[in-house]
Amino acid sequence: MAGEAEPTFFSYYRRFIGQVWKRVWPFTWTRVILAMAYVIAALALQIHYGMIPRELAWRSFGIASLPYIAFLVVALAWFAVNSPVELDRERGAQIKRLHDENTVLRKKPYESHLEQRVKQGLGAVTNEGRGLLGYLLPIGEIAEKNIVIHGMTSESIWQAIVSCKGAGLVIQRDEGPAGIPTRYVSIPGEFKPVLRDLLFPQDSATQI
């Protein structure tokens, strides 16, 4: 059932028969089959020792087995009527389990206040700033002089950095000898999952 997108006629009745058999066999094994075996064995002994005439053997077997056969028919009818209910319960339990799993998978790995903060920052940056953020997301930290974004000049990249820094969405740090340091720019780690969802919502949905 876990792999079925939609039940077919044959798949449903395969599950139905399996459900009936799963419930009938343990129920009837001790209550009907073993009891009938004991009765037949007792009748066979009585016939063997002449207590019951041999010409009445089949009739005796039929009369002795009739209550058990009737009980078996009633049990089969009951389980046949009740099995669809059990199958529906199983499917309902599976749907609930899948829904719960989906809820867990779709749960955002960050707090709502962090999402609100990033949204406010995005509202303050320029289009070039958004392009810079999308460029930095998969890269991490990079030296400003090494940033190359298609369609953007060095001046527009610098303006994008200023815009994103003013919105609090990127950080800068200097490294190297005093006077000629290399300036690096990066997105704070806690902002990355939020920005990924906001800038590339379709990609986030595909990953889920």
Protein backbone atom coordinates (compact mmCIF):
# COMPACT_ATOMS: atom_id res chain seq x y z
CA MET A 1 0.00 0.00 0.00
CA ALA A 2 2.91 2.36 0.66
CA GLY A 3 3.87 2.43 -3.02
CA GLU A 4 0.37 2.86 -4.52
CA ALA A 5 -0.50 6.28 -5.88
CA GLU A 6 -4.08 5.21 -6.54
CA PRO A 7 -5.71 1.83 -5.81
CA THR A 8 -6.89 -0.21 -8.79
CA PHE A 9 -9.60 -2.87 -8.90
CA PHE A 10 -7.09 -5.71 -8.68
CA SER A 11 -4.83 -4.08 -6.10
CA TYR A 12 -7.79 -3.33 -3.86
CA TYR A 13 -9.18 -6.87 -3.95
CA ARG A 14 -5.70 -8.32 -3.49
CA ARG A 15 -5.43 -6.32 -0.28
CA PHE A 16 -9.04 -7.19 0.60
CA ILE A 17 -8.50 -10.95 0.28
CA GLY A 18 -5.23 -10.69 2.16
CA GLN A 19 -6.94 -8.80 4.97
CA VAL A 20 -9.76 -11.37 5.19
CA TRP A 21 -7.32 -14.27 5.24
CA LYS A 22 -5.10 -12.56 7.82
CA ARG A 23 -8.05 -12.30 10.18
CA VAL A 24 -9.87 -15.56 9.34
CA TRP A 25 -6.96 -17.95 9.69
CA PRO A 26 -5.98 -17.28 13.35
CA PHE A 27 -9.64 -17.01 14.31
CA THR A 28 -10.75 -20.29 12.73
CA TRP A 29 -7.64 -22.37 13.38
CA THR A 30 -8.44 -23.18 17.03
CA ARG A 31 -12.19 -22.53 16.95
CA VAL A 32 -13.14 -24.47 13.83
CA ILE A 33 -10.38 -26.47 12.16
CA LEU A 34 -8.95 -28.14 15.25
CA ALA A 35 -12.43 -28.72 16.68
CA MET A 36 -13.56 -30.36 13.42
CA ALA A 37 -10.43 -32.49 13.39
CA TYR A 38 -11.16 -33.74 16.90
CA VAL A 39 -14.79 -34.53 16.00
CA ILE A 40 -13.82 -36.35 12.81
CA ALA A 41 -11.16 -38.31 14.67
CA ALA A 42 -13.73 -39.31 17.31
CA LEU A 43 -16.23 -40.37 14.64
CA ALA A 44 -13.55 -42.32 12.81
CA LEU A 45 -12.78 -44.25 15.99
CA GLN A 46 -16.46 -44.95 16.60
CA ILE A 47 -16.87 -46.21 13.02
CA HIS A 48 -13.70 -48.27 13.29
CA TYR A 49 -14.92 -50.01 16.43
CA GLY A 50 -18.43 -50.53 15.08
CA MET A 51 -20.18 -48.05 17.30
CA ILE A 52 -21.49 -46.29 14.18
CA PRO A 53 -22.44 -48.33 11.06
CA ARG A 54 -20.10 -47.75 8.12
CA GLU A 55 -23.02 -46.99 5.82
CA LEU A 56 -23.83 -44.00 8.03
CA ALA A 57 -20.25 -42.77 8.08
CA TRP A 58 -20.63 -39.92 5.59
CA ARG A 59 -23.92 -38.86 7.06
CA SER A 60 -22.38 -38.82 10.53
CA PHE A 61 -19.44 -36.77 9.29
CA GLY A 62 -21.81 -34.32 7.63
CA ILE A 63 -24.03 -33.93 10.69
CA ALA A 64 -21.05 -33.52 13.02
CA SER A 65 -19.33 -31.02 10.73
CA LEU A 66 -22.42 -28.95 9.94
CA PRO A 67 -22.26 -26.62 12.99
CA TYR A 68 -18.58 -25.91 12.39
CA ILE A 69 -19.11 -25.30 8.70
CA ALA A 70 -21.97 -22.93 9.51
CA PHE A 71 -19.77 -21.17 12.07
CA LEU A 72 -17.00 -20.85 9.46
CA VAL A 73 -19.41 -19.38 6.89
CA VAL A 74 -20.66 -16.82 9.43
CA ALA A 75 -17.07 -15.93 10.35
CA LEU A 76 -16.12 -15.49 6.68
CA ALA A 77 -19.17 -13.31 6.10
CA TRP A 78 -18.36 -11.17 9.13
CA PHE A 79 -14.73 -10.66 8.19
CA ALA A 80 -15.69 -9.98 4.57
CA VAL A 81 -18.01 -7.20 5.76
CA ASN A 82 -15.57 -5.87 8.36
CA SER A 83 -12.34 -6.02 6.32
CA PRO A 84 -13.08 -2.90 4.20
CA VAL A 85 -13.41 -0.97 7.47
CA GLU A 86 -9.99 -2.23 8.58
CA LEU A 87 -8.49 -1.38 5.19
CA ASP A 88 -9.95 2.11 5.43
CA ARG A 89 -8.44 2.51 8.91
CA GLU A 90 -5.05 1.39 7.62
CA ARG A 91 -5.21 3.83 4.72
CA GLY A 92 -6.33 6.62 7.04
CA ALA A 93 -3.43 5.86 9.39
CA GLN A 94 -1.01 5.91 6.46
CA ILE A 95 -2.40 9.22 5.18
CA LYS A 96 -2.02 10.72 8.66
CA ARG A 97 1.55 9.42 8.92
CA LEU A 98 2.47 10.85 5.52
CA HIS A 99 0.82 14.16 6.44
CA ASP A 100 2.79 14.31 9.69
CA GLU A 101 6.03 13.50 7.84
CA ASN A 102 5.26 16.17 5.25
CA THR A 103 4.57 18.70 8.00
CA VAL A 104 7.94 17.94 9.58
CA LEU A 105 9.72 18.23 6.22
CA ARG A 106 8.04 21.54 5.44
CA LYS A 107 8.74 23.02 8.84
CA LYS A 108 11.08 25.96 8.39
CA PRO A 109 14.45 25.48 10.08
CA TYR A 110 14.44 29.03 11.41
CA GLU A 111 12.42 31.26 13.68
CA SER A 112 9.73 33.59 12.36
CA HIS A 113 11.46 36.68 13.79
CA LEU A 114 14.55 35.83 11.73
CA GLU A 115 12.44 35.47 8.61
CA GLN A 116 10.82 38.84 9.29
CA ARG A 117 14.21 40.46 9.76
CA VAL A 118 15.50 39.10 6.43
CA LYS A 119 12.29 40.16 4.65
CA GLN A 120 12.74 43.69 5.91
CA GLY A 121 16.33 43.66 4.73
CA LEU A 122 15.35 42.43 1.28
CA GLY A 123 12.82 45.20 1.02
CA ALA A 124 15.60 47.73 1.49
CA VAL A 125 18.13 46.37 -1.03
CA THR A 126 18.32 47.17 -4.72
CA ASN A 127 17.82 44.69 -7.54
CA GLU A 128 21.61 44.53 -7.87
CA GLY A 129 21.72 43.74 -4.15
CA ARG A 130 19.38 40.80 -4.69
CA GLY A 131 21.62 39.61 -7.50
CA LEU A 132 24.63 39.82 -5.20
CA LEU A 133 22.83 37.84 -2.49
CA GLY A 134 21.90 35.13 -4.98
CA TYR A 135 25.54 35.03 -6.11
CA LEU A 136 26.90 34.76 -2.56
CA LEU A 137 24.47 32.10 -1.29
CA PRO A 138 26.25 29.04 -2.75
CA ILE A 139 29.73 30.56 -2.50
CA GLY A 140 30.10 31.63 1.10
CA GLU A 141 32.87 34.12 1.79
CA ILE A 142 34.70 35.68 -1.15
CA ALA A 143 37.12 38.53 -1.69
CA GLU A 144 35.31 41.58 -3.08
CA LYS A 145 37.83 41.93 -5.90
CA ASN A 146 37.02 38.38 -7.09
CA ILE A 147 33.26 38.91 -7.40
CA VAL A 148 32.11 38.59 -11.00
CA ILE A 149 28.38 38.80 -11.70
CA HIS A 150 27.02 38.69 -15.23
CA GLY A 151 25.52 42.03 -16.28
CA MET A 152 27.04 43.97 -13.39
CA THR A 153 30.04 46.30 -13.44
CA SER A 154 32.55 46.69 -10.63
CA GLU A 155 30.79 49.91 -9.63
CA SER A 156 27.35 48.28 -9.49
CA ILE A 157 28.79 45.36 -7.52
CA TRP A 158 30.26 47.79 -5.02
CA GLN A 159 26.92 49.60 -4.76
CA ALA A 160 25.17 46.24 -4.25
CA ILE A 161 27.56 45.41 -1.42
CA VAL A 162 26.88 48.79 0.20
CA SER A 163 23.12 48.24 -0.18
CA CYS A 164 23.20 44.73 1.31
CA LYS A 165 25.50 45.77 4.13
CA GLY A 166 23.21 48.68 4.97
CA ALA A 167 20.29 46.22 5.13
CA GLY A 168 22.32 44.00 7.45
CA LEU A 169 22.31 41.04 5.06
CA VAL A 170 26.06 40.81 4.40
CA ILE A 171 29.15 41.31 6.51
CA GLN A 172 32.65 42.43 5.57
CA ARG A 173 36.01 41.70 7.09
CA ASP A 174 39.57 42.70 6.24
CA GLU A 175 42.46 40.29 6.13
CA GLY A 176 46.10 40.87 5.26
CA PRO A 177 48.84 43.42 5.91
CA ALA A 178 47.84 46.75 7.36
CA GLY A 179 47.31 49.36 4.69
CA ILE A 180 46.66 46.86 1.87
CA PRO A 181 44.17 44.36 3.33
CA THR A 182 41.92 42.13 1.28
CA ARG A 183 38.28 42.77 2.01
CA TYR A 184 36.00 39.74 2.14
CA VAL A 185 32.22 39.73 1.99
CA SER A 186 29.79 37.00 3.05
CA ILE A 187 26.23 36.30 4.15
CA PRO A 188 25.77 35.48 7.86
CA GLY A 189 25.12 31.77 8.22
CA GLU A 190 21.79 32.17 10.02
CA PHE A 191 20.42 34.20 7.09
CA LYS A 192 21.24 31.66 4.39
CA PRO A 193 18.26 29.28 4.74
CA VAL A 194 15.87 32.22 4.96
CA LEU A 195 17.36 33.92 1.89
CA ARG A 196 17.32 30.64 -0.02
CA ASP A 197 13.58 30.26 0.64
CA LEU A 198 12.81 33.88 -0.18
CA LEU A 199 15.01 34.29 -3.25
CA PHE A 200 14.54 30.81 -4.73
CA PRO A 201 11.18 29.49 -3.43
CA GLN A 202 10.77 26.96 -6.27
CA ASP A 203 14.18 25.42 -5.55
CA SER A 204 13.30 25.15 -1.85
CA ALA A 205 10.00 23.43 -2.66
CA THR A 206 11.84 20.95 -4.94
CA GLN A 207 14.26 20.07 -2.16
CA ILE A 208 11.32 19.33 0.17
